[in-house]
Amino acid sequence: MKASNNDYVTISLPRATGKEEDLVFVGLNGKGYTIRRGVSVQVPRPVYEILMEAQRQEQRKEDYIRRQQENAARSAVTVGL
């Protein structure tokens, strides 16, 4: 069954910075989607949801690393290093 236009979302991923790739690959149910950063494209809603979950996971990772660094800095001050 082919998706209707309502099942698509227009997205534009931010341009690559530093070590990021210009292309983002998403695989879904045996089909691959390659999305160029900085270009508006229409993708099926499940592909959009995969990209948004990846973004949320990246933010969680960055938050975790920041908290660990803050905890380590507080511990170093407490010990007197």
N, C-alpha and C. Protein backbone atom coordinates (compact mmCIF):
# COMPACT_ATOMS: atom_id res chain seq x y z
N MET A 1 0.84 -1.19 0.00
CA MET A 1 0.00 0.00 0.00
C MET A 1 0.88 1.25 0.00
N LYS A 2 0.64 2.14 -0.88
CA LYS A 2 1.43 3.36 -0.99
C LYS A 2 0.89 4.42 -0.04
N ALA A 3 1.81 5.16 0.59
CA ALA A 3 1.42 6.20 1.54
C ALA A 3 0.82 7.39 0.80
N SER A 4 -0.17 8.02 1.41
CA SER A 4 -0.74 9.23 0.83
C SER A 4 0.13 10.43 1.22
N ASN A 5 -0.13 11.58 0.61
CA ASN A 5 0.65 12.78 0.91
C ASN A 5 0.57 13.15 2.38
N ASN A 6 -0.53 12.80 3.05
CA ASN A 6 -0.67 13.11 4.47
C ASN A 6 0.30 12.31 5.33
N ASP A 7 0.86 11.24 4.78
CA ASP A 7 1.77 10.39 5.52
C ASP A 7 3.22 10.85 5.36
N TYR A 8 3.43 11.99 4.74
CA TYR A 8 4.77 12.52 4.53
C TYR A 8 4.97 13.81 5.32
N VAL A 9 6.22 14.03 5.71
CA VAL A 9 6.58 15.23 6.47
C VAL A 9 7.73 15.91 5.74
N THR A 10 7.65 17.23 5.59
CA THR A 10 8.75 17.99 5.00
C THR A 10 9.73 18.35 6.11
N ILE A 11 10.99 17.99 5.90
CA ILE A 11 12.01 18.27 6.91
C ILE A 11 13.22 18.91 6.23
N SER A 12 14.03 19.56 7.03
CA SER A 12 15.31 20.07 6.59
C SER A 12 16.27 19.89 7.76
N LEU A 13 17.21 18.99 7.62
CA LEU A 13 18.18 18.74 8.68
C LEU A 13 19.21 19.86 8.66
N PRO A 14 19.68 20.28 9.84
CA PRO A 14 20.69 21.34 9.89
C PRO A 14 21.94 20.95 9.10
N ARG A 15 22.58 21.94 8.53
CA ARG A 15 23.83 21.68 7.80
C ARG A 15 24.86 21.05 8.71
N ALA A 16 25.73 20.28 8.13
CA ALA A 16 26.77 19.58 8.88
C ALA A 16 27.76 20.57 9.47
N THR A 17 28.18 20.26 10.69
CA THR A 17 29.22 21.06 11.33
C THR A 17 30.30 20.11 11.83
N GLY A 18 31.52 20.51 11.69
CA GLY A 18 32.63 19.70 12.21
C GLY A 18 32.68 18.30 11.64
N LYS A 19 32.48 17.30 12.50
CA LYS A 19 32.66 15.90 12.12
C LYS A 19 31.41 15.26 11.53
N GLU A 20 30.29 15.99 11.45
CA GLU A 20 29.06 15.42 10.91
C GLU A 20 29.17 15.21 9.40
N GLU A 21 28.45 14.22 8.93
CA GLU A 21 28.38 13.94 7.49
C GLU A 21 27.33 14.83 6.84
N ASP A 22 27.51 15.13 5.54
CA ASP A 22 26.52 15.91 4.80
C ASP A 22 25.27 15.11 4.49
N LEU A 23 25.39 13.79 4.48
CA LEU A 23 24.26 12.90 4.19
C LEU A 23 23.91 12.09 5.42
N VAL A 24 22.62 11.90 5.64
CA VAL A 24 22.13 11.09 6.75
C VAL A 24 21.34 9.93 6.14
N PHE A 25 21.67 8.71 6.57
CA PHE A 25 20.98 7.52 6.07
C PHE A 25 20.02 7.02 7.13
N VAL A 26 18.79 6.70 6.70
CA VAL A 26 17.79 6.08 7.58
C VAL A 26 17.27 4.85 6.86
N GLY A 27 17.29 3.71 7.54
CA GLY A 27 16.73 2.48 7.00
C GLY A 27 15.42 2.17 7.69
N LEU A 28 14.42 1.77 6.92
CA LEU A 28 13.12 1.43 7.47
C LEU A 28 12.49 0.32 6.64
N ASN A 29 12.23 -0.81 7.28
CA ASN A 29 11.56 -1.94 6.63
C ASN A 29 12.22 -2.33 5.30
N GLY A 30 13.54 -2.39 5.30
CA GLY A 30 14.27 -2.83 4.11
C GLY A 30 14.46 -1.76 3.05
N LYS A 31 14.01 -0.57 3.30
CA LYS A 31 14.17 0.53 2.34
C LYS A 31 15.08 1.58 2.96
N GLY A 32 15.97 2.16 2.17
CA GLY A 32 16.90 3.16 2.66
C GLY A 32 16.55 4.55 2.16
N TYR A 33 16.77 5.52 3.02
CA TYR A 33 16.53 6.92 2.68
C TYR A 33 17.81 7.69 2.99
N THR A 34 18.35 8.38 2.00
CA THR A 34 19.53 9.22 2.20
C THR A 34 19.07 10.66 2.11
N ILE A 35 19.32 11.41 3.18
CA ILE A 35 18.83 12.78 3.29
C ILE A 35 20.03 13.72 3.35
N ARG A 36 20.06 14.68 2.46
CA ARG A 36 21.14 15.68 2.43
C ARG A 36 20.80 16.79 3.42
N ARG A 37 21.77 17.11 4.25
CA ARG A 37 21.58 18.18 5.23
C ARG A 37 21.43 19.52 4.53
N GLY A 38 20.56 20.38 5.06
CA GLY A 38 20.37 21.72 4.53
C GLY A 38 19.42 21.80 3.36
N VAL A 39 18.79 20.68 2.98
CA VAL A 39 17.87 20.65 1.84
C VAL A 39 16.51 20.18 2.35
N SER A 40 15.45 20.89 1.99
CA SER A 40 14.10 20.47 2.38
C SER A 40 13.68 19.27 1.54
N VAL A 41 13.23 18.23 2.22
CA VAL A 41 12.77 17.01 1.54
C VAL A 41 11.53 16.49 2.24
N GLN A 42 10.76 15.72 1.50
CA GLN A 42 9.61 15.04 2.09
C GLN A 42 10.01 13.60 2.37
N VAL A 43 9.70 13.15 3.59
CA VAL A 43 9.99 11.78 3.99
C VAL A 43 8.74 11.18 4.61
N PRO A 44 8.61 9.86 4.55
CA PRO A 44 7.48 9.23 5.24
C PRO A 44 7.53 9.54 6.74
N ARG A 45 6.39 9.67 7.36
CA ARG A 45 6.32 10.02 8.78
C ARG A 45 7.18 9.10 9.65
N PRO A 46 7.20 7.77 9.43
CA PRO A 46 8.06 6.93 10.27
C PRO A 46 9.55 7.28 10.16
N VAL A 47 10.01 7.73 9.00
CA VAL A 47 11.40 8.15 8.84
C VAL A 47 11.63 9.42 9.66
N TYR A 48 10.70 10.34 9.61
CA TYR A 48 10.77 11.56 10.43
C TYR A 48 10.85 11.18 11.90
N GLU A 49 10.02 10.25 12.35
CA GLU A 49 10.01 9.84 13.75
C GLU A 49 11.34 9.20 14.15
N ILE A 50 11.94 8.43 13.27
CA ILE A 50 13.26 7.85 13.55
C ILE A 50 14.29 8.95 13.73
N LEU A 51 14.27 9.95 12.85
CA LEU A 51 15.22 11.06 12.95
C LEU A 51 15.02 11.86 14.24
N MET A 52 13.77 12.09 14.63
CA MET A 52 13.49 12.84 15.86
C MET A 52 13.94 12.05 17.09
N GLU A 53 13.74 10.74 17.08
CA GLU A 53 14.19 9.91 18.22
C GLU A 53 15.72 9.92 18.30
N ALA A 54 16.38 9.87 17.16
CA ALA A 54 17.85 9.93 17.15
C ALA A 54 18.32 11.27 17.73
N GLN A 55 17.62 12.34 17.40
CA GLN A 55 17.96 13.66 17.94
C GLN A 55 17.76 13.69 19.46
N ARG A 56 16.66 13.11 19.93
CA ARG A 56 16.41 13.07 21.38
C ARG A 56 17.48 12.25 22.09
N GLN A 57 17.88 11.14 21.50
CA GLN A 57 18.92 10.30 22.10
C GLN A 57 20.25 11.05 22.16
N GLU A 58 20.57 11.78 21.11
CA GLU A 58 21.81 12.57 21.09
C GLU A 58 21.79 13.62 22.20
N GLN A 59 20.64 14.27 22.39
CA GLN A 59 20.52 15.27 23.45
C GLN A 59 20.67 14.62 24.82
N ARG A 60 20.07 13.44 25.01
CA ARG A 60 20.22 12.72 26.28
C ARG A 60 21.68 12.38 26.55
N LYS A 61 22.38 11.96 25.50
CA LYS A 61 23.80 11.62 25.65
C LYS A 61 24.60 12.85 26.06
N GLU A 62 24.36 13.97 25.40
CA GLU A 62 25.08 15.21 25.73
C GLU A 62 24.77 15.66 27.16
N ASP A 63 23.51 15.54 27.58
CA ASP A 63 23.13 15.90 28.94
C ASP A 63 23.83 15.00 29.96
N TYR A 64 23.89 13.71 29.67
CA TYR A 64 24.55 12.75 30.57
C TYR A 64 26.04 13.08 30.71
N ILE A 65 26.69 13.33 29.59
CA ILE A 65 28.12 13.66 29.62
C ILE A 65 28.36 14.94 30.41
N ARG A 66 27.52 15.95 30.19
CA ARG A 66 27.65 17.20 30.93
C ARG A 66 27.49 16.98 32.43
N ARG A 67 26.48 16.19 32.83
CA ARG A 67 26.28 15.91 34.26
C ARG A 67 27.47 15.17 34.85
N GLN A 68 28.02 14.21 34.11
CA GLN A 68 29.17 13.46 34.61
C GLN A 68 30.38 14.37 34.78
N GLN A 69 30.57 15.28 33.83
CA GLN A 69 31.69 16.23 33.93
C GLN A 69 31.50 17.17 35.13
N GLU A 70 30.27 17.63 35.34
CA GLU A 70 29.99 18.49 36.49
C GLU A 70 30.23 17.75 37.80
N ASN A 71 29.79 16.49 37.87
CA ASN A 71 30.00 15.68 39.07
C ASN A 71 31.48 15.46 39.33
N ALA A 72 32.23 15.19 38.27
CA ALA A 72 33.67 14.97 38.42
C ALA A 72 34.35 16.25 38.90
N ALA A 73 33.92 17.39 38.38
CA ALA A 73 34.52 18.67 38.79
C ALA A 73 34.20 18.95 40.26
N ARG A 74 32.97 18.67 40.67
CA ARG A 74 32.60 18.87 42.08
C ARG A 74 33.39 17.93 42.98
N SER A 75 33.58 16.69 42.57
CA SER A 75 34.33 15.72 43.37
C SER A 75 35.79 16.15 43.50
N ALA A 76 36.35 16.68 42.43
CA ALA A 76 37.76 17.12 42.45
C ALA A 76 37.92 18.28 43.43
N VAL A 77 36.95 19.19 43.47
CA VAL A 77 37.02 20.33 44.38
C VAL A 77 36.86 19.85 45.81
N THR A 78 35.97 18.91 46.05
CA THR A 78 35.73 18.39 47.40
C THR A 78 36.96 17.71 47.95
N VAL A 79 37.67 16.97 47.10
CA VAL A 79 38.86 16.24 47.53
C VAL A 79 40.03 17.20 47.64
N GLY A 80 39.96 18.33 46.97
CA GLY A 80 41.02 19.32 47.05
C GLY A 80 42.07 19.18 45.97
N LEU A 81 41.66 18.61 44.85
CA LEU A 81 42.59 18.46 43.73
C LEU A 81 42.72 19.74 42.95
